[in-house]
Structure formats: C-alpha cells, structure tokens
Amino acid sequence: MAVGFDLRDEPWIPVRLAAGEATRVGLRGLFHRAHEIVDVELPVPPAASGLLRILAAMTARIARDEDGVRLDDEDAAEEIVTWLEVRDQVLARGRFDVRAVDTYFDDEVPSGRFDLFDPVRPFLQDPRLVAECLDRRDHPNPSGVNKLVFGRPTGENGAVLFGHFTDSEPVAVPAAEAAWHLIAQLYYGPAGQCTPRRITEVKPGNGDAGPLRKAVSYHAWGPDLFTSLVLGVPMPDDAAEADEGDMCPWEAADLPDPLGSPAVLTWPGGLLTGRFRHAVLLVPSADRDEVIDAYITWSTHEPKQLARDPYVILDRDKEGQLEARRANGARALWRDVDALLLKDIGHQSLRPHSLNSLPPRLRPQLSVRAYGFDQDGQQKDTTWFEATTPPLLQWQEEADARMARHVARCHQAAEDVGSRLEYAARLAWKLATDTSAATADKVKLDAKKYGPWAAAATSRYWPEAEREFWRLADPAWCDTTPLPSLVKVALTALDDAIGQANRADIRVARARTRARATVRALLRATT
C-alpha cells in the first residue's frame, strides 16, 4: 500500500551541521536540531526564502519562554517591550523544547496536514483542483510538471535553459524537490495566463503574481539556525493584527474560499503564509516517491492584501509610494548594506522590519542572508541568487551610528564612481570612433550605442570595488575618505577595458586621457 510523503519526518530539507556535515532533515528534525544546524542549503533560493517564512510562523507557535509564553502570544504582542522580553528569554534557552516541537506537529495541527500527498488536505495545496481544472470535454487538465519546476521550459516551443525537458516527454521530480518548488511557486509564481479553473459558469485562466515576485528577501543570520529562526519571527506591528484566531493554511479548519473576500490579515501566521495568489496540487507517482504532474492556477481574484513584508527593503518609487526592492542578478548584496544598517536613507528607503530591535548581545555575531529572484512582474524569470554578508549588524545605526554612516559613505562613493566610470567609458568610445565628437567642446552620447568599453569597464570595476568596500568597512578606516581608493580601482578598470593594443592609436589615446580625467574629476568635486 502506497504511503504519503510526511514533511514532518521525511528528509527533504538540506542543512549543514556545526561539525561541517551536510545532511537532510524533516520539519521535526529541523526544530529538534536547530541549535546544531548552521545553515539551510536549499539549492533553490526562492524556495529557501519562502521556507524561512513558513519556519518563522512555526517558530512563533513552538518557541516559548520559561513561563510557557509563546512568541505568538497576543497579550505579549500588545506591548513591544514585553514581546522583546519574551524573545530574549527564548533565545537564552538556546534550543527548542523537544516536547513543544512534538506537541505542535503531532497534536496541535490536524492529522495529515503535513503530508505532501494527503488526499484531503495536502500540505499547502488545494485538492479541489482535480475537479475544477477541466478541459473542454470535462477531463482533468493539469498544468504539467515542467510548469511546477522553476527553470524548466514549458510548452512545446519553450526554451531549453536548464536541461532537456519537454512537455511531450515530462520527467518526474523527486518528492522532496517538488516540495521546494511548491513553496517557490506560492511565493514567487507568475502573473497572467494560467491553467483555467472553473468554480461557477465562468472559467478564468489568469491570475496575479505571488506576493514576493521579483523581490529580494533579507534575513538576520545567526551562529546557528535556532537563533536565526527566533530572530526571524517578525515583531508585532501595524502590518497585521495579533489575534487569537491567527491561522496558517495547514492549521485552518477549511480550505480558502476562492470566490470569497480574503480573511483579515493576522500576525504572524497570516502575514507570513496567508497572502498566496496561486493554488497548486501535486500529482504523485504510485509509490509516492516522485511528482509526475501538477495543477497550478489562481487562488483568488480579490484585491491583494496590502501589508509590509517584514524581510524586504522598501524603496520609494517615482510617485512616492513604497515598494519592495527589486532583485537584480547583476547587483551584489554589499550594495544594499547601507539600507540594512541605517533606519532609513533620506526617507527614500526603509530597512526590513525584521532587522529592527535586534538583541545587543547578539549583534556582533549577526550576518544578513539574502535571497533574490530576478523576474519581471509577469512570466519572465531571469536568475536567482543567494548571498550572505560578514557579521555587520553590530554597525546598525542605533548601535554604532558613526560606523553605519561610514559604511553608507563607502557604498555611496562606490556608486558614484561606478556611475562616473560608465559615463567616462561611453565618452571614450564616442571620442575614439566619431571624428566630429573628437573636436567638440560638448559631446552628446548616443542613447543606445554605448560601445563595448562601458560594459567591459564596469564588469571589471564592481568585483574590485566590492573587495575595496569590505576593506574599508572596518572601524580602523572610519575617518578615511573612501573616494580616492575607489577612483584608483575605476581607472584600472577603464585602462583594462580600453586595452593595451589600442593605446598606439592617437585618437584612442586622447579618448582614454579625457575619460581618465572625467573619472578623476570626482576627487576635485569633493574637495
């Protein structure tokens, strides 16, 4: 008889232990051994980002202080000082209570809710899709396993990017990996056309993007997973109401009504796991070891529940509205550091709410882990990434304002120099290839014809600028002006981009000289 795939105990989450050993654990093992685990090594960053939100909601249910007060206690949440005291006591315990872990997974959540293939309430899925996603002849109309797995092409003419997968010859995915992509779809899934779902006579075939689509997610990262998870529970705030009836999808008595009004957003479960815009159902193999097909469609067409995600940087757009910082596969994490240290940057950016009010005694040990998925707002996925800073949250503005401002100056100097370098390289190409520009007092650059030197120069500059940034991001350099050393990096990048062979050409030599002077002019502008 086939069994299910119980996420509590099946080894589906890759982790690394303090001793260096890589292994896999289920949800129960993860919480039992969180104090021994130093990293979650999920190879799909959007899945890791979503999983951390799920684990934070579970942590709020499981973690409790010496008096048994949980982190999701609505009375403690009424006063932030009280809630922080509870959190400090939880951290002081150093590990999760094994009995509390088992009580949550075995008693507090109804049976079967953590089974990936439960016939009634599979984890984070909607079993109604078999009857609601039908073709014209009222036969089941699944979306295909390729639609589930990020990185695989879909459709007969889909681009082959990460392997030779086609819809005509689908390749099953192991159940553990299917769980990763299930989570990734719910948080980062696309907008637009999807598998039609008919509940009434209408059969809509379009949906909204997942709540984290195209965003970067930032998490306080401690010396062990226990610390990271406890610090990952967001503080109570106005984003969602602390309520005794707060529920995660796997805890709720009923499946959500796709045609009804969304429930009031509550803290912390609703905020972290209650804003999905997709409905998914996995189709398992007979032995339940693999997923051979999947239904992916819309879950609601009601207006989105507006709430600040606690793990994103908020930037103001051109209209002055706050929006989550977009993921950019070409932008390294260090370029976001000032927005993680300063409370706000000229009222234009706000740091993640989860990085506020960190315990002072832990700050010297805390890094920031970032997960990003470079996407557009619809269907296009470009690349994903994961990065971790050195321990730097000891330099947050409220702890060390002088160092926070120094790090911000270093970053701003690097951005200014990078921008000037790109302009100078474009200018050099224009001067070297356009005879009329070489004699003009003012040179008008082409909007689209950059030439090859700008890309070559900036691709050399940014990695070296990162190394210089981290060298300068040290209290010993707090009184040092960062601009001169970064200008030196930029000049080297410019020379390398133009190349040695071209220097014999008098026009190239003059263009190079003018471009170098353009970069060095930054030094005069700041004196």
Protein backbone atom coordinates (compact mmCIF):
# COMPACT_ATOMS: atom_id res chain seq x y z
CA MET A 1 0.00 0.00 0.00
CA ALA A 2 1.38 3.37 -1.00
CA VAL A 3 2.14 5.79 1.80
CA GLY A 4 2.32 9.56 1.69
CA PHE A 5 5.29 11.89 1.99
CA ASP A 6 5.21 13.25 5.54
CA LEU A 7 7.13 16.53 5.64
CA ARG A 8 7.48 16.22 9.40
CA ASP A 9 9.81 13.24 9.15
CA GLU A 10 10.86 12.70 5.53
CA PRO A 11 14.38 14.11 4.93
CA TRP A 12 13.57 16.89 2.45
CA ILE A 13 15.40 19.97 3.80
CA PRO A 14 19.18 20.08 3.12
CA VAL A 15 21.10 21.51 6.08
CA ARG A 16 24.66 21.79 7.32
CA LEU A 17 25.58 20.93 10.87
CA ALA A 18 28.07 22.81 13.03
CA ALA A 19 30.56 19.95 12.64
CA GLY A 20 30.52 20.53 8.87
CA GLU A 21 28.37 17.54 7.94
CA ALA A 22 25.75 18.03 5.22
CA THR A 23 22.51 16.11 5.77
CA ARG A 24 18.76 16.31 5.21
CA VAL A 25 16.05 16.62 7.82
CA GLY A 26 12.30 16.86 8.03
CA LEU A 27 10.47 19.64 9.84
CA ARG A 28 10.59 17.79 13.16
CA GLY A 29 14.31 17.07 12.90
CA LEU A 30 15.00 20.65 11.87
CA PHE A 31 13.43 22.04 15.04
CA HIS A 32 14.86 19.28 17.25
CA ARG A 33 18.39 20.01 15.98
CA ALA A 34 18.15 23.72 15.14
CA HIS A 35 20.86 24.54 17.71
CA GLU A 36 23.22 22.12 15.90
CA ILE A 37 22.43 23.41 12.41
CA VAL A 38 24.37 26.36 10.98
CA ASP A 39 22.79 26.63 7.55
CA VAL A 40 19.85 25.70 5.36
CA GLU A 41 21.28 24.69 2.00
CA LEU A 42 18.23 24.61 -0.23
CA PRO A 43 19.60 24.93 -3.79
CA VAL A 44 16.54 26.91 -4.98
CA PRO A 45 16.79 30.38 -3.35
CA PRO A 46 13.12 31.37 -3.86
CA ALA A 47 12.13 28.14 -2.13
CA ALA A 48 14.54 28.89 0.73
CA SER A 49 13.07 32.38 1.06
CA GLY A 50 9.54 31.01 1.28
CA LEU A 51 10.57 28.19 3.60
CA LEU A 52 12.07 30.66 6.08
CA ARG A 53 8.71 32.42 6.29
CA ILE A 54 6.95 29.11 6.90
CA LEU A 55 9.52 28.18 9.55
CA ALA A 56 9.15 31.60 11.19
CA ALA A 57 5.40 31.04 11.54
CA MET A 58 6.06 27.59 13.04
CA THR A 59 8.71 29.05 15.35
CA ALA A 60 6.15 31.51 16.70
CA ARG A 61 3.95 28.55 17.65
CA ILE A 62 6.73 26.38 19.10
CA ALA A 63 9.13 28.76 20.87
CA ARG A 64 8.23 29.78 24.40
CA ASP A 65 9.88 31.39 27.39
CA GLU A 66 10.48 29.82 30.80
CA ASP A 67 6.87 30.57 31.79
CA GLY A 68 5.46 28.92 28.68
CA VAL A 69 4.57 32.18 26.90
CA ARG A 70 4.80 31.69 23.13
CA LEU A 71 6.20 34.16 20.64
CA ASP A 72 2.75 34.47 19.02
CA ASP A 73 1.04 35.32 22.30
CA GLU A 74 -1.43 38.15 21.56
CA ASP A 75 -1.18 39.57 25.10
CA ALA A 76 2.61 39.83 24.90
CA ALA A 77 2.24 41.39 21.44
CA GLU A 78 0.25 44.32 22.86
CA GLU A 79 3.46 45.84 24.27
CA ILE A 80 6.57 45.55 22.13
CA VAL A 81 8.81 45.74 25.21
CA THR A 82 7.04 42.72 26.71
CA TRP A 83 7.29 40.79 23.47
CA LEU A 84 11.03 41.53 23.20
CA GLU A 85 11.49 40.27 26.75
CA VAL A 86 9.78 37.02 25.81
CA ARG A 87 12.04 36.71 22.77
CA ASP A 88 15.15 37.34 24.87
CA GLN A 89 14.11 34.56 27.25
CA VAL A 90 13.51 32.21 24.33
CA LEU A 91 16.96 32.99 22.95
CA ALA A 92 18.53 32.42 26.36
CA ARG A 93 17.23 28.84 26.36
CA GLY A 94 19.48 28.12 23.35
CA ARG A 95 17.30 25.47 21.73
CA PHE A 96 13.70 24.49 21.07
CA ASP A 97 11.96 22.34 23.62
CA VAL A 98 11.59 18.87 22.08
CA ARG A 99 8.20 18.33 23.72
CA ALA A 100 6.90 21.63 22.36
CA VAL A 101 8.08 20.66 18.87
CA ASP A 102 6.38 17.29 19.00
CA THR A 103 3.22 18.72 20.54
CA TYR A 104 2.88 21.18 17.67
CA PHE A 105 3.47 18.65 14.89
CA ASP A 106 1.56 15.75 16.43
CA ASP A 107 -1.27 17.33 18.45
CA GLU A 108 -1.89 20.99 17.62
CA VAL A 109 -2.15 20.55 13.85
CA PRO A 110 -4.79 18.11 12.50
CA SER A 111 -3.59 14.76 11.18
CA GLY A 112 -2.41 14.63 7.59
CA ARG A 113 -1.84 18.36 7.19
CA PHE A 114 1.94 17.93 6.75
CA ASP A 115 1.58 15.15 4.18
CA LEU A 116 2.56 16.33 0.70
CA PHE A 117 0.08 13.87 -0.85
CA ASP A 118 -2.73 13.68 1.70
CA PRO A 119 -5.98 13.08 -0.24
CA VAL A 120 -7.99 15.54 1.87
CA ARG A 121 -5.62 18.35 2.87
CA PRO A 122 -2.21 18.01 1.23
CA PHE A 123 0.32 20.50 2.60
CA LEU A 124 -0.17 23.99 1.09
CA GLN A 125 -2.30 22.56 -1.73
CA ASP A 126 -5.90 22.53 -2.91
CA PRO A 127 -7.30 19.06 -3.75
CA ARG A 128 -10.36 20.65 -5.41
CA LEU A 129 -8.29 21.46 -8.49
CA VAL A 130 -8.78 17.97 -9.93
CA ALA A 131 -12.49 18.73 -10.33
CA GLU A 132 -12.14 22.44 -11.13
CA CYS A 133 -9.32 22.44 -13.72
CA LEU A 134 -11.00 20.65 -16.63
CA ASP A 135 -10.61 20.74 -20.39
CA ARG A 136 -13.44 21.23 -22.89
CA ARG A 137 -14.52 17.61 -22.52
CA ASP A 138 -14.54 17.91 -18.73
CA HIS A 139 -11.42 15.81 -18.35
CA PRO A 140 -8.73 16.77 -15.79
CA ASN A 141 -6.45 19.40 -17.25
CA PRO A 142 -3.19 19.53 -15.27
CA SER A 143 -0.55 22.17 -15.95
CA GLY A 144 2.38 19.78 -16.31
CA VAL A 145 5.33 19.05 -14.05
CA ASN A 146 7.53 21.42 -16.06
CA LYS A 147 5.24 24.27 -15.02
CA LEU A 148 5.93 23.40 -11.40
CA VAL A 149 9.73 23.33 -11.56
CA PHE A 150 11.32 26.75 -11.91
CA GLY A 151 13.99 26.69 -14.61
CA ARG A 152 12.33 24.12 -16.84
CA PRO A 153 10.86 25.21 -20.19
CA THR A 154 7.10 24.93 -20.65
CA GLY A 155 5.13 24.46 -23.84
CA GLU A 156 6.28 22.71 -27.00
CA ASN A 157 8.42 25.70 -28.03
CA GLY A 158 9.82 26.56 -24.60
CA ALA A 159 13.49 27.48 -24.43
CA VAL A 160 15.80 24.73 -23.17
CA LEU A 161 17.78 26.52 -20.46
CA PHE A 162 18.47 24.15 -17.56
CA GLY A 163 18.16 20.75 -19.21
CA HIS A 164 16.35 18.95 -21.99
CA PHE A 165 12.82 18.88 -20.62
CA THR A 166 9.76 18.95 -22.85
CA ASP A 167 6.05 18.72 -22.17
CA SER A 168 5.77 15.80 -24.61
CA GLU A 169 8.22 13.74 -22.52
CA PRO A 170 7.89 15.05 -18.96
CA VAL A 171 10.46 13.99 -16.38
CA ALA A 172 9.19 13.36 -12.87
CA VAL A 173 10.71 15.30 -9.97
CA PRO A 174 11.60 13.72 -6.60
CA ALA A 175 9.02 14.46 -3.91
CA ALA A 176 11.50 16.43 -1.79
CA GLU A 177 12.36 18.73 -4.69
CA ALA A 178 8.69 19.07 -5.60
CA ALA A 179 8.11 20.45 -2.09
CA TRP A 180 10.78 23.10 -2.74
CA HIS A 181 9.15 24.20 -5.98
CA LEU A 182 5.67 24.13 -4.45
CA ILE A 183 6.85 26.72 -1.93
CA ALA A 184 8.64 28.75 -4.59
CA GLN A 185 5.52 28.85 -6.78
CA LEU A 186 3.32 30.07 -3.93
CA TYR A 187 5.64 32.96 -3.08
CA TYR A 188 7.21 33.82 -6.47
CA GLY A 189 4.77 32.45 -9.04
CA PRO A 190 3.93 34.35 -12.24
CA ALA A 191 1.04 36.60 -13.20
CA GLY A 192 -1.03 36.31 -16.33
CA GLN A 193 -2.20 33.21 -18.18
CA CYS A 194 -2.53 30.02 -16.15
CA THR A 195 -4.48 26.77 -16.21
CA PRO A 196 -8.20 27.71 -16.24
CA ARG A 197 -10.19 26.97 -13.10
CA ARG A 198 -13.98 26.76 -13.18
CA ILE A 199 -15.98 27.18 -10.00
CA THR A 200 -19.10 28.84 -11.42
CA GLU A 201 -20.04 29.03 -15.10
CA VAL A 202 -17.09 31.37 -15.61
CA LYS A 203 -13.71 29.72 -16.23
CA PRO A 204 -10.94 32.30 -15.65
CA GLY A 205 -7.46 31.40 -16.93
CA ASN A 206 -5.38 34.20 -15.48
CA GLY A 207 -4.03 35.13 -12.09
CA ASP A 208 -1.88 37.50 -10.06
CA ALA A 209 1.80 37.26 -9.20
CA GLY A 210 2.97 35.70 -5.96
CA PRO A 211 3.50 38.06 -3.01
CA LEU A 212 7.31 38.04 -3.31
CA ARG A 213 7.66 38.05 -7.09
CA LYS A 214 10.77 39.97 -8.28
CA ALA A 215 11.76 40.88 -4.69
CA VAL A 216 14.91 40.40 -2.58
CA SER A 217 14.44 38.94 0.90
CA TYR A 218 16.83 39.78 3.78
CA HIS A 219 17.14 37.72 6.98
CA ALA A 220 19.17 38.13 10.15
CA TRP A 221 21.54 35.16 10.17
CA GLY A 222 22.92 33.94 13.47
CA PRO A 223 25.60 31.45 14.52
CA ASP A 224 23.02 28.63 14.48
CA LEU A 225 19.62 28.03 12.94
CA PHE A 226 17.84 28.25 16.30
CA THR A 227 18.98 31.88 16.65
CA SER A 228 18.15 32.68 13.02
CA LEU A 229 14.64 31.26 13.32
CA VAL A 230 13.81 33.04 16.58
CA LEU A 231 15.08 36.35 15.19
CA GLY A 232 13.11 35.62 12.02
CA VAL A 233 9.78 35.86 13.84
CA PRO A 234 8.64 39.38 12.95
CA MET A 235 7.84 41.80 15.72
CA PRO A 236 4.17 42.73 16.11
CA ASP A 237 3.32 45.93 14.26
CA ASP A 238 0.50 47.57 12.36
CA ALA A 239 1.04 45.39 9.27
CA ALA A 240 -1.21 42.67 10.69
CA GLU A 241 -3.35 42.31 13.80
CA ALA A 242 -2.26 39.99 16.60
CA ASP A 243 -5.26 37.73 17.02
CA GLU A 244 -6.06 34.52 18.86
CA GLY A 245 -7.59 33.19 15.64
CA ASP A 246 -4.42 33.65 13.60
CA MET A 247 -4.01 30.62 11.33
CA CYS A 248 -1.55 29.28 8.78
CA PRO A 249 -3.09 27.39 5.82
CA TRP A 250 -2.17 23.97 7.24
CA GLU A 251 -3.80 24.88 10.58
CA ALA A 252 -7.10 26.24 9.27
CA ALA A 253 -10.26 24.15 9.54
CA ASP A 254 -11.36 24.80 5.96
CA LEU A 255 -9.78 25.41 2.59
CA PRO A 256 -9.91 29.07 1.49
CA ASP A 257 -12.94 30.21 -0.49
CA PRO A 258 -11.59 31.29 -3.91
CA LEU A 259 -14.66 33.48 -4.52
CA GLY A 260 -14.95 34.96 -1.04
CA SER A 261 -13.36 38.01 0.50
CA PRO A 262 -9.91 37.31 1.95
CA ALA A 263 -9.65 36.95 5.70
CA VAL A 264 -8.36 39.86 7.74
CA LEU A 265 -4.58 39.63 7.75
CA THR A 266 -3.39 38.50 11.17
CA TRP A 267 0.02 38.22 12.83
CA PRO A 268 2.19 36.24 12.48
CA GLY A 269 0.78 33.27 10.54
CA GLY A 270 -1.47 35.20 8.18
CA LEU A 271 1.21 37.78 7.44
CA LEU A 272 3.82 35.15 6.62
CA THR A 273 1.75 32.43 4.95
CA GLY A 274 -1.64 33.91 4.12
CA ARG A 275 -1.13 36.07 1.03
CA PHE A 276 -0.76 33.46 -1.72
CA ARG A 277 -2.28 34.17 -5.14
CA HIS A 278 -1.80 30.68 -6.59
CA ALA A 279 -3.42 27.31 -5.92
CA VAL A 280 -1.34 24.19 -6.53
CA LEU A 281 -1.94 20.45 -6.44
CA LEU A 282 0.82 17.88 -6.95
CA VAL A 283 0.16 14.57 -8.67
CA PRO A 284 2.33 11.82 -7.14
CA SER A 285 3.69 8.63 -8.66
CA ALA A 286 2.18 5.35 -7.48
CA ASP A 287 4.96 4.84 -4.92
CA ARG A 288 4.72 8.47 -3.71
CA ASP A 289 8.44 8.99 -4.29
CA GLU A 290 8.02 11.43 -7.19
CA VAL A 291 5.70 14.07 -8.60
CA ILE A 292 4.66 13.28 -12.17
CA ASP A 293 2.25 16.17 -12.81
CA ALA A 294 0.84 19.29 -11.20
CA TYR A 295 -2.09 21.70 -11.32
CA ILE A 296 -1.13 25.38 -10.97
CA THR A 297 -3.80 28.05 -11.21
CA TRP A 298 -5.24 31.09 -9.46
CA SER A 299 -6.39 31.00 -5.86
CA THR A 300 -8.32 34.28 -5.72
CA HIS A 301 -9.12 37.33 -7.82
CA GLU A 302 -9.90 39.52 -4.85
CA PRO A 303 -7.71 42.63 -4.33
CA LYS A 304 -4.32 41.89 -2.83
CA GLN A 305 -3.96 42.21 0.94
CA LEU A 306 -1.62 45.14 1.38
CA ALA A 307 0.93 44.57 4.11
CA ARG A 308 4.60 45.23 4.58
CA ASP A 309 6.58 42.02 4.27
CA PRO A 310 8.98 42.04 7.25
CA TYR A 311 12.02 40.86 5.26
CA VAL A 312 12.21 43.34 2.39
CA ILE A 313 13.81 46.75 1.91
CA LEU A 314 11.21 49.31 0.90
CA ASP A 315 12.13 51.95 -1.70
CA ARG A 316 10.03 54.88 -2.84
CA ASP A 317 9.01 54.83 -6.49
CA LYS A 318 8.60 57.90 -8.70
CA GLU A 319 5.15 58.55 -7.23
CA GLY A 320 6.49 58.38 -3.69
CA GLN A 321 4.91 55.01 -2.91
CA LEU A 322 6.89 52.36 -1.04
CA GLU A 323 7.61 49.11 -2.86
CA ALA A 324 9.86 46.12 -2.19
CA ARG A 325 13.39 46.45 -3.58
CA ARG A 326 13.61 44.52 -6.82
CA ALA A 327 16.01 41.65 -7.27
CA ASN A 328 18.78 42.31 -9.77
CA GLY A 329 21.04 39.43 -10.68
CA ALA A 330 23.82 41.85 -11.63
CA ARG A 331 23.77 43.69 -8.28
CA ALA A 332 25.81 42.25 -5.41
CA LEU A 333 24.50 42.20 -1.83
CA TRP A 334 27.10 44.64 -0.47
CA ARG A 335 25.43 47.42 -2.46
CA ASP A 336 22.39 47.07 -0.17
CA VAL A 337 24.34 47.19 3.10
CA ASP A 338 23.61 50.83 3.93
CA ALA A 339 19.86 50.11 3.71
CA LEU A 340 20.35 47.30 6.24
CA LEU A 341 22.27 49.44 8.72
CA LEU A 342 20.51 52.80 8.54
CA LYS A 343 16.94 53.16 9.79
CA ASP A 344 16.09 54.98 6.61
CA ILE A 345 18.04 56.59 3.78
CA GLY A 346 16.81 60.12 3.25
CA HIS A 347 13.22 58.92 3.64
CA GLN A 348 13.71 57.03 0.35
CA SER A 349 14.43 53.54 1.70
CA LEU A 350 13.39 51.67 4.82
CA ARG A 351 15.27 48.67 6.12
CA PRO A 352 13.50 45.33 6.68
CA HIS A 353 11.27 45.45 9.74
CA SER A 354 12.69 42.12 10.93
CA LEU A 355 16.12 43.77 11.36
CA ASN A 356 14.83 46.28 13.91
CA SER A 357 15.29 45.85 17.69
CA LEU A 358 17.87 43.07 17.48
CA PRO A 359 19.36 41.88 20.79
CA PRO A 360 22.51 43.96 21.51
CA ARG A 361 24.46 40.99 22.84
CA LEU A 362 23.93 39.07 19.57
CA ARG A 363 24.61 41.87 17.10
CA PRO A 364 28.37 41.15 16.77
CA GLN A 365 27.51 37.61 15.60
CA LEU A 366 24.76 38.52 13.13
CA SER A 367 25.12 38.50 9.37
CA VAL A 368 22.44 39.08 6.74
CA ARG A 369 21.32 36.34 4.37
CA ALA A 370 19.68 37.50 1.14
CA TYR A 371 17.61 35.53 -1.37
CA GLY A 372 16.65 37.13 -4.66
CA PHE A 373 14.80 36.11 -7.80
CA ASP A 374 15.37 38.40 -10.78
CA GLN A 375 11.98 38.35 -12.55
CA ASP A 376 9.60 40.67 -14.30
CA GLY A 377 6.09 41.16 -12.97
CA GLN A 378 4.55 38.62 -15.34
CA GLN A 379 6.10 35.41 -16.67
CA LYS A 380 9.80 36.02 -17.29
CA ASP A 381 12.34 34.54 -14.87
CA THR A 382 15.97 35.60 -15.35
CA THR A 383 18.12 34.32 -12.50
CA TRP A 384 18.09 33.69 -8.77
CA PHE A 385 20.78 34.20 -6.17
CA GLU A 386 21.74 33.75 -2.54
CA ALA A 387 24.35 35.77 -0.64
CA THR A 388 25.49 36.32 2.93
CA THR A 389 27.31 39.30 4.41
CA PRO A 390 30.02 39.10 7.06
CA PRO A 391 28.78 39.84 10.62
CA LEU A 392 27.86 43.52 10.29
CA LEU A 393 24.64 44.14 12.19
CA GLN A 394 26.74 45.36 15.11
CA TRP A 395 27.09 48.50 12.98
CA GLN A 396 23.41 49.27 12.75
CA GLU A 397 22.69 52.95 13.25
CA GLU A 398 21.16 52.58 16.72
CA ALA A 399 24.20 50.57 17.91
CA ASP A 400 27.09 52.37 16.16
CA ALA A 401 25.91 55.43 14.26
CA ARG A 402 29.45 56.51 13.33
CA MET A 403 30.26 53.20 11.68
CA ALA A 404 26.86 52.96 10.00
CA ARG A 405 27.40 56.35 8.36
CA HIS A 406 30.93 55.38 7.33
CA VAL A 407 29.70 52.21 5.62
CA ALA A 408 26.98 54.23 3.90
CA ARG A 409 29.62 56.72 2.67
CA CYS A 410 31.71 53.86 1.29
CA HIS A 411 28.75 52.46 -0.59
CA GLN A 412 27.70 55.84 -1.96
CA ALA A 413 31.27 56.55 -3.08
CA ALA A 414 31.35 53.21 -4.92
CA GLU A 415 28.05 54.01 -6.66
CA ASP A 416 29.21 57.49 -7.64
CA VAL A 417 32.48 56.18 -9.03
CA GLY A 418 30.73 53.33 -10.85
CA SER A 419 28.30 55.74 -12.48
CA ARG A 420 31.10 58.10 -13.48
CA LEU A 421 33.17 55.22 -14.87
CA GLU A 422 30.32 54.06 -17.09
CA TYR A 423 29.87 57.58 -18.43
CA ALA A 424 33.61 58.00 -18.99
CA ALA A 425 33.89 54.70 -20.86
CA ARG A 426 30.99 55.62 -23.11
CA LEU A 427 32.57 59.02 -23.69
CA ALA A 428 35.89 57.42 -24.60
CA TRP A 429 34.24 55.16 -27.16
CA LYS A 430 32.41 58.10 -28.72
CA LEU A 431 35.59 60.17 -28.94
CA ALA A 432 37.59 57.30 -30.39
CA THR A 433 35.06 56.35 -33.07
CA ASP A 434 33.36 59.63 -34.02
CA THR A 435 35.65 62.20 -35.65
CA SER A 436 33.17 65.04 -35.16
CA ALA A 437 32.96 64.34 -31.43
CA ALA A 438 36.74 64.44 -31.01
CA THR A 439 36.84 68.17 -31.72
CA ALA A 440 33.61 69.18 -29.98
CA ASP A 441 33.56 71.05 -26.67
CA LYS A 442 30.44 69.18 -25.58
CA VAL A 443 29.90 65.59 -26.61
CA LYS A 444 26.38 64.19 -26.93
CA LEU A 445 26.38 60.48 -26.22
CA ASP A 446 24.14 58.14 -28.14
CA ALA A 447 21.28 56.84 -26.02
CA LYS A 448 21.66 53.25 -27.27
CA LYS A 449 25.12 52.99 -28.86
CA TYR A 450 27.32 52.54 -25.82
CA GLY A 451 30.19 50.71 -27.46
CA PRO A 452 31.95 47.79 -25.74
CA TRP A 453 34.11 49.72 -23.29
CA ALA A 454 31.40 50.67 -20.78
CA ALA A 455 30.30 47.09 -20.14
CA ALA A 456 33.90 45.89 -20.04
CA ALA A 457 34.94 48.61 -17.58
CA THR A 458 32.00 48.17 -15.19
CA SER A 459 32.28 44.37 -15.22
CA ARG A 460 35.89 44.80 -14.05
CA TYR A 461 35.10 47.59 -11.62
CA TRP A 462 32.32 46.13 -9.50
CA PRO A 463 34.09 42.99 -8.22
CA GLU A 464 37.17 45.04 -7.34
CA ALA A 465 35.01 47.76 -5.79
CA GLU A 466 33.40 45.11 -3.59
CA ARG A 467 36.79 43.98 -2.31
CA GLU A 468 37.75 47.60 -1.64
CA PHE A 469 34.42 48.24 0.08
CA TRP A 470 34.92 45.39 2.54
CA ARG A 471 38.48 46.52 3.19
CA LEU A 472 37.22 50.00 4.04
CA ALA A 473 34.24 48.68 6.05
CA ASP A 474 36.34 48.46 9.18
CA PRO A 475 36.37 50.73 12.24
CA ALA A 476 40.08 51.37 11.59
CA TRP A 477 39.14 53.23 8.38
CA CYS A 478 36.21 55.13 9.85
CA ASP A 479 37.87 58.52 9.34
CA THR A 480 39.17 57.69 5.86
CA THR A 481 37.64 59.17 2.72
CA PRO A 482 36.72 56.20 0.51
CA LEU A 483 36.70 58.05 -2.81
CA PRO A 484 40.44 58.06 -3.73
CA SER A 485 40.90 54.29 -3.49
CA LEU A 486 37.71 53.63 -5.45
CA VAL A 487 38.75 56.10 -8.15
CA LYS A 488 42.00 54.17 -8.43
CA VAL A 489 40.02 50.95 -8.92
CA ALA A 490 37.92 52.64 -11.61
CA LEU A 491 40.95 53.95 -13.51
CA THR A 492 42.46 50.49 -13.61
CA ALA A 493 39.17 49.06 -14.88
CA LEU A 494 39.00 51.77 -17.56
CA ASP A 495 42.52 51.07 -18.78
CA ASP A 496 41.85 47.33 -18.91
CA ALA A 497 38.64 47.87 -20.87
CA ILE A 498 40.26 50.08 -23.49
CA GLY A 499 43.19 47.69 -23.69
CA GLN A 500 46.92 47.99 -24.30
CA ALA A 501 46.83 47.42 -28.05
CA ASN A 502 44.65 50.46 -28.67
CA ARG A 503 46.96 52.94 -27.00
CA ALA A 504 49.10 53.33 -30.14
CA ASP A 505 46.13 54.91 -31.90
CA ILE A 506 46.34 58.65 -31.22
CA ARG A 507 42.58 59.06 -31.22
CA VAL A 508 42.16 56.24 -28.71
CA ALA A 509 44.96 57.66 -26.58
CA ARG A 510 43.27 61.07 -26.46
CA ALA A 511 39.90 59.49 -25.68
CA ARG A 512 41.50 57.50 -22.88
CA THR A 513 43.14 60.59 -21.40
CA ARG A 514 39.87 62.52 -21.41
CA ALA A 515 37.97 59.60 -19.92
CA ARG A 516 40.53 59.25 -17.10
CA ALA A 517 40.26 62.96 -16.39
CA THR A 518 36.47 62.61 -16.24
CA VAL A 519 36.77 59.93 -13.56
CA ARG A 520 39.43 61.85 -11.58
CA ALA A 521 37.22 64.95 -11.62
CA LEU A 522 35.19 63.29 -8.86
CA LEU A 523 38.10 63.93 -6.49
CA ARG A 524 38.11 67.64 -7.25
CA ALA A 525 34.34 67.82 -6.82
CA THR A 526 34.61 66.62 -3.21
CA THR A 527 37.49 68.84 -2.08
